PDB file of N, CA and C in Angstrom:
ATOM      1  N   MET A   1       6.311   3.343   9.502  1.00  0.00           N
ATOM      2  CA  MET A   1       6.725   2.071   9.009  1.00  0.00           C
ATOM      3  C   MET A   1       7.180   1.763   7.521  1.00  0.00           C
ATOM      4  N   PHE A   2       6.243   2.387   6.774  1.00  0.00           N
ATOM      5  CA  PHE A   2       6.614   2.382   5.368  1.00  0.00           C
ATOM      6  C   PHE A   2       7.309   3.524   4.771  1.00  0.00           C
ATOM      7  N   ALA A   3       7.543   4.624   5.716  1.00  0.00           N
ATOM      8  CA  ALA A   3       8.075   5.749   5.193  1.00  0.00           C
ATOM      9  C   ALA A   3       9.560   5.777   4.651  1.00  0.00           C
ATOM     10  N   LEU A   4      10.355   4.736   5.412  1.00  0.00           N
ATOM     11  CA  LEU A   4      11.842   4.702   5.236  1.00  0.00           C
ATOM     12  C   LEU A   4      11.819   4.081   3.898  1.00  0.00           C
ATOM     13  N   PRO A   5      11.255   2.739   3.463  1.00  0.00           N
ATOM     14  CA  PRO A   5      11.312   2.037   2.288  1.00  0.00           C
ATOM     15  C   PRO A   5      10.718   2.919   1.180  1.00  0.00           C
ATOM     16  N   ILE A   6       9.880   3.827   1.519  1.00  0.00           N
ATOM     17  CA  ILE A   6       9.364   4.705   0.067  1.00  0.00           C
ATOM     18  C   ILE A   6      10.484   5.593  -0.044  1.00  0.00           C
ATOM     19  N   LEU A   7      11.013   6.376   1.074  1.00  0.00           N
ATOM     20  CA  LEU A   7      12.001   7.144   0.791  1.00  0.00           C
ATOM     21  C   LEU A   7      13.283   6.598   0.075  1.00  0.00           C
ATOM     22  N   GLY A   8      13.731   5.450   0.351  1.00  0.00           N
ATOM     23  CA  GLY A   8      14.527   4.688  -0.322  1.00  0.00           C
ATOM     24  C   GLY A   8      14.327   4.496  -1.740  1.00  0.00           C
ATOM     25  N   TYR A   9      13.046   4.129  -1.833  1.00  0.00           N
ATOM     26  CA  TYR A   9      12.690   3.751  -3.311  1.00  0.00           C
ATOM     27  C   TYR A   9      12.682   5.094  -4.156  1.00  0.00           C
ATOM     28  N   ILE A  10      12.275   6.292  -3.629  1.00  0.00           N
ATOM     29  CA  ILE A  10      12.157   7.349  -4.472  1.00  0.00           C
ATOM     30  C   ILE A  10      13.472   7.890  -4.614  1.00  0.00           C
ATOM     31  N   TYR A  11      14.372   8.084  -3.594  1.00  0.00           N
ATOM     32  CA  TYR A  11      15.676   8.753  -3.640  1.00  0.00           C
ATOM     33  C   TYR A  11      16.645   7.882  -4.011  1.00  0.00           C
ATOM     34  N   GLY A  12      16.610   6.576  -3.870  1.00  0.00           N
ATOM     35  CA  GLY A  12      17.741   5.774  -3.996  1.00  0.00           C
ATOM     36  C   GLY A  12      18.347   5.431  -5.337  1.00  0.00           C
ATOM     37  N   PRO A  13      19.427   4.943  -5.420  1.00  0.00           N
ATOM     38  CA  PRO A  13      19.853   4.643  -6.847  1.00  0.00           C
ATOM     39  C   PRO A  13      19.256   3.907  -7.703  1.00  0.00           C
ATOM     40  N   ALA A  14      19.279   3.989  -8.928  1.00  0.00           N
ATOM     41  CA  ALA A  14      18.398   3.276  -9.754  1.00  0.00           C
ATOM     42  C   ALA A  14      18.771   1.833  -9.742  1.00  0.00           C
ATOM     43  N   ALA A  15      19.985   1.440  -9.617  1.00  0.00           N
ATOM     44  CA  ALA A  15      20.323  -0.029  -9.336  1.00  0.00           C
ATOM     45  C   ALA A  15      19.790  -0.626  -8.266  1.00  0.00           C
ATOM     46  N   GLU A  16      19.758   0.047  -7.164  1.00  0.00           N
ATOM     47  CA  GLU A  16      19.185  -0.573  -5.960  1.00  0.00           C
ATOM     48  C   GLU A  16      17.871  -0.480  -5.944  1.00  0.00           C
ATOM     49  N   VAL A  17      16.923   0.336  -6.685  1.00  0.00           N
ATOM     50  CA  VAL A  17      15.480   0.621  -6.597  1.00  0.00           C
ATOM     51  C   VAL A  17      14.880  -0.679  -7.248  1.00  0.00           C
ATOM     52  N   GLU A  18      15.348  -1.392  -8.193  1.00  0.00           N
ATOM     53  CA  GLU A  18      14.897  -2.432  -8.842  1.00  0.00           C
ATOM     54  C   GLU A  18      14.600  -3.428  -7.928  1.00  0.00           C
ATOM     55  N   GLN A  19      15.441  -3.743  -6.762  1.00  0.00           N
ATOM     56  CA  GLN A  19      15.087  -4.991  -5.717  1.00  0.00           C
ATOM     57  C   GLN A  19      13.862  -4.420  -4.934  1.00  0.00           C
ATOM     58  N   TYR A  20      13.547  -3.140  -4.776  1.00  0.00           N
ATOM     59  CA  TYR A  20      12.166  -2.903  -4.110  1.00  0.00           C
ATOM     60  C   TYR A  20      11.121  -2.745  -4.881  1.00  0.00           C
ATOM     61  N   ALA A  21      11.164  -2.889  -6.457  1.00  0.00           N
ATOM     62  CA  ALA A  21      10.222  -2.383  -7.163  1.00  0.00           C
ATOM     63  C   ALA A  21       8.961  -3.377  -6.872  1.00  0.00           C
ATOM     64  N   ALA A  22       9.295  -4.624  -6.776  1.00  0.00           N
ATOM     65  CA  ALA A  22       8.208  -5.726  -6.696  1.00  0.00           C
ATOM     66  C   ALA A  22       7.443  -5.473  -5.456  1.00  0.00           C
ATOM     67  N   PHE A  23       8.125  -5.182  -4.405  1.00  0.00           N
ATOM     68  CA  PHE A  23       7.391  -5.159  -3.030  1.00  0.00           C
ATOM     69  C   PHE A  23       6.459  -3.919  -3.025  1.00  0.00           C
ATOM     70  N   HIS A  24       6.883  -2.746  -3.443  1.00  0.00           N
ATOM     71  CA  HIS A  24       5.988  -1.542  -3.691  1.00  0.00           C
ATOM     72  C   HIS A  24       4.781  -1.862  -4.712  1.00  0.00           C
ATOM     73  N   ARG A  25       5.078  -2.671  -5.768  1.00  0.00           N
ATOM     74  CA  ARG A  25       4.133  -2.993  -6.748  1.00  0.00           C
ATOM     75  C   ARG A  25       3.068  -4.098  -6.247  1.00  0.00           C
ATOM     76  N   PHE A  26       3.435  -4.894  -5.707  1.00  0.00           N
ATOM     77  CA  PHE A  26       2.709  -6.133  -5.551  1.00  0.00           C
ATOM     78  C   PHE A  26       2.086  -6.110  -3.902  1.00  0.00           C
ATOM     79  N   ILE A  27       2.850  -5.442  -3.025  1.00  0.00           N
ATOM     80  CA  ILE A  27       2.252  -5.432  -1.521  1.00  0.00           C
ATOM     81  C   ILE A  27       2.001  -4.224  -1.108  1.00  0.00           C
ATOM     82  N   PHE A  28       2.869  -3.230  -1.102  1.00  0.00           N
ATOM     83  CA  PHE A  28       2.531  -1.723  -0.670  1.00  0.00           C
ATOM     84  C   PHE A  28       1.363  -1.202  -1.285  1.00  0.00           C
ATOM     85  N   VAL A  29       1.401  -1.124  -2.457  1.00  0.00           N
ATOM     86  CA  VAL A  29       0.249  -0.297  -2.991  1.00  0.00           C
ATOM     87  C   VAL A  29      -1.004  -0.869  -2.966  1.00  0.00           C
ATOM     88  N   PRO A  30      -1.208  -2.353  -2.976  1.00  0.00           N
ATOM     89  CA  PRO A  30      -2.594  -3.000  -2.678  1.00  0.00           C
ATOM     90  C   PRO A  30      -2.844  -2.798  -1.348  1.00  0.00           C
ATOM     91  N   VAL A  31      -1.976  -2.674  -0.337  1.00  0.00           N
ATOM     92  CA  VAL A  31      -2.530  -2.523   1.036  1.00  0.00           C
ATOM     93  C   VAL A  31      -2.930  -1.243   1.238  1.00  0.00           C
ATOM     94  N   VAL A  32      -2.327  -0.313   0.606  1.00  0.00           N
ATOM     95  CA  VAL A  32      -2.626   1.272   0.736  1.00  0.00           C
ATOM     96  C   VAL A  32      -4.055   1.438   0.045  1.00  0.00           C
ATOM     97  N   MET A  33      -4.289   0.806  -0.876  1.00  0.00           N
ATOM     98  CA  MET A  33      -5.611   0.971  -1.421  1.00  0.00           C
ATOM     99  C   MET A  33      -6.850   0.111  -0.777  1.00  0.00           C
ATOM    100  N   LEU A  34      -6.377  -0.954  -0.162  1.00  0.00           N
ATOM    101  CA  LEU A  34      -7.361  -1.540   0.773  1.00  0.00           C
ATOM    102  C   LEU A  34      -7.889  -0.901   1.580  1.00  0.00           C
ATOM    103  N   THR A  35      -6.562  -0.212   2.503  1.00  0.00           N
ATOM    104  CA  THR A  35      -6.979   0.563   3.712  1.00  0.00           C
ATOM    105  C   THR A  35      -7.703   1.930   3.341  1.00  0.00           C
ATOM    106  N   GLY A  36      -7.377   2.423   2.494  1.00  0.00           N
ATOM    107  CA  GLY A  36      -8.282   3.674   1.823  1.00  0.00           C
ATOM    108  C   GLY A  36      -9.497   3.279   1.766  1.00  0.00           C
ATOM    109  N   PHE A  37      -9.928   2.011   0.884  1.00  0.00           N
ATOM    110  CA  PHE A  37     -11.164   1.539   0.517  1.00  0.00           C
ATOM    111  C   PHE A  37     -11.858   1.477   2.087  1.00  0.00           C
ATOM    112  N   TRP A  38     -11.071   0.547   2.866  1.00  0.00           N
ATOM    113  CA  TRP A  38     -11.994   0.356   4.014  1.00  0.00           C
ATOM    114  C   TRP A  38     -12.294   1.701   5.021  1.00  0.00           C
ATOM    115  N   MET A  39     -11.274   2.718   4.833  1.00  0.00           N
ATOM    116  CA  MET A  39     -11.711   3.967   5.523  1.00  0.00           C
ATOM    117  C   MET A  39     -12.903   4.793   4.937  1.00  0.00           C
ATOM    118  N   TRP A  40     -13.051   4.498   3.446  1.00  0.00           N
ATOM    119  CA  TRP A  40     -13.981   5.285   2.871  1.00  0.00           C
ATOM    120  C   TRP A  40     -15.398   4.510   2.972  1.00  0.00           C
ATOM    121  N   LYS A  41     -15.411   3.167   2.838  1.00  0.00           N
ATOM    122  CA  LYS A  41     -16.572   2.526   2.651  1.00  0.00           C
ATOM    123  C   LYS A  41     -16.781   1.367   3.826  1.00  0.00           C
ATOM    124  N   GLY A  42     -15.919   1.359   4.978  1.00  0.00           N
ATOM    125  CA  GLY A  42     -15.870   0.472   5.842  1.00  0.00           C
ATOM    126  C   GLY A  42     -17.290   0.199   6.566  1.00  0.00           C
ATOM    127  N   GLU A  43     -17.872   1.259   6.712  1.00  0.00           N
ATOM    128  CA  GLU A  43     -19.239   1.188   7.466  1.00  0.00           C
ATOM    129  C   GLU A  43     -20.265   0.435   6.728  1.00  0.00           C
ATOM    130  N   ALA A  44     -20.294   0.686   5.441  1.00  0.00           N
ATOM    131  CA  ALA A  44     -21.370   0.183   4.518  1.00  0.00           C
ATOM    132  C   ALA A  44     -20.993  -1.197   4.292  1.00  0.00           C
ATOM    133  N   VAL A  45     -19.656  -1.598   4.312  1.00  0.00           N
ATOM    134  CA  VAL A  45     -19.144  -3.146   4.099  1.00  0.00           C
ATOM    135  C   VAL A  45     -19.889  -3.764   5.403  1.00  0.00           C
ATOM    136  N   ARG A  46     -19.520  -3.295   6.404  1.00  0.00           N
ATOM    137  CA  ARG A  46     -19.856  -4.034   7.795  1.00  0.00           C
ATOM    138  C   ARG A  46     -21.478  -4.164   7.848  1.00  0.00           C
ATOM    139  N   ARG A  47     -22.252  -3.095   7.408  1.00  0.00           N
ATOM    140  CA  ARG A  47     -23.531  -3.191   7.375  1.00  0.00           C
ATOM    141  C   ARG A  47     -23.986  -4.258   6.472  1.00  0.00           C
ATOM    142  N   PHE A  48     -23.372  -4.314   5.283  1.00  0.00           N
ATOM    143  CA  PHE A  48     -23.760  -5.250   4.252  1.00  0.00           C
ATOM    144  C   PHE A  48     -23.523  -6.673   4.819  1.00  0.00           C
ATOM    145  N   ILE A  49     -22.381  -6.845   5.451  1.00  0.00           N
ATOM    146  CA  ILE A  49     -22.042  -8.037   5.804  1.00  0.00           C
ATOM    147  C   ILE A  49     -23.039  -8.593   7.069  1.00  0.00           C
ATOM    148  N   SER A  50     -23.184  -7.839   7.880  1.00  0.00           N
ATOM    149  CA  SER A  50     -24.139  -8.142   9.182  1.00  0.00           C
ATOM    150  C   SER A  50     -25.567  -8.335   8.675  1.00  0.00           C
ATOM    151  N   LYS A  51     -26.023  -8.042   7.469  1.00  0.00           N
ATOM    152  CA  LYS A  51     -27.442  -8.462   7.124  1.00  0.00           C
ATOM    153  C   LYS A  51     -27.748  -9.714   7.106  1.00  0.00           C
TER     154      LYS A  51
END
């Protein structure tokens, strides 16, 4: 789902990349970080919440 926008962001012309920069900076990167954190510490968070 995110592979094509990332490829366009990396390999696209510099003039077109600017319009995608905000999406990647403010939406894509935080979502990736949160899902990585959830995969790493999800069980500990669930145990903490259930107490």
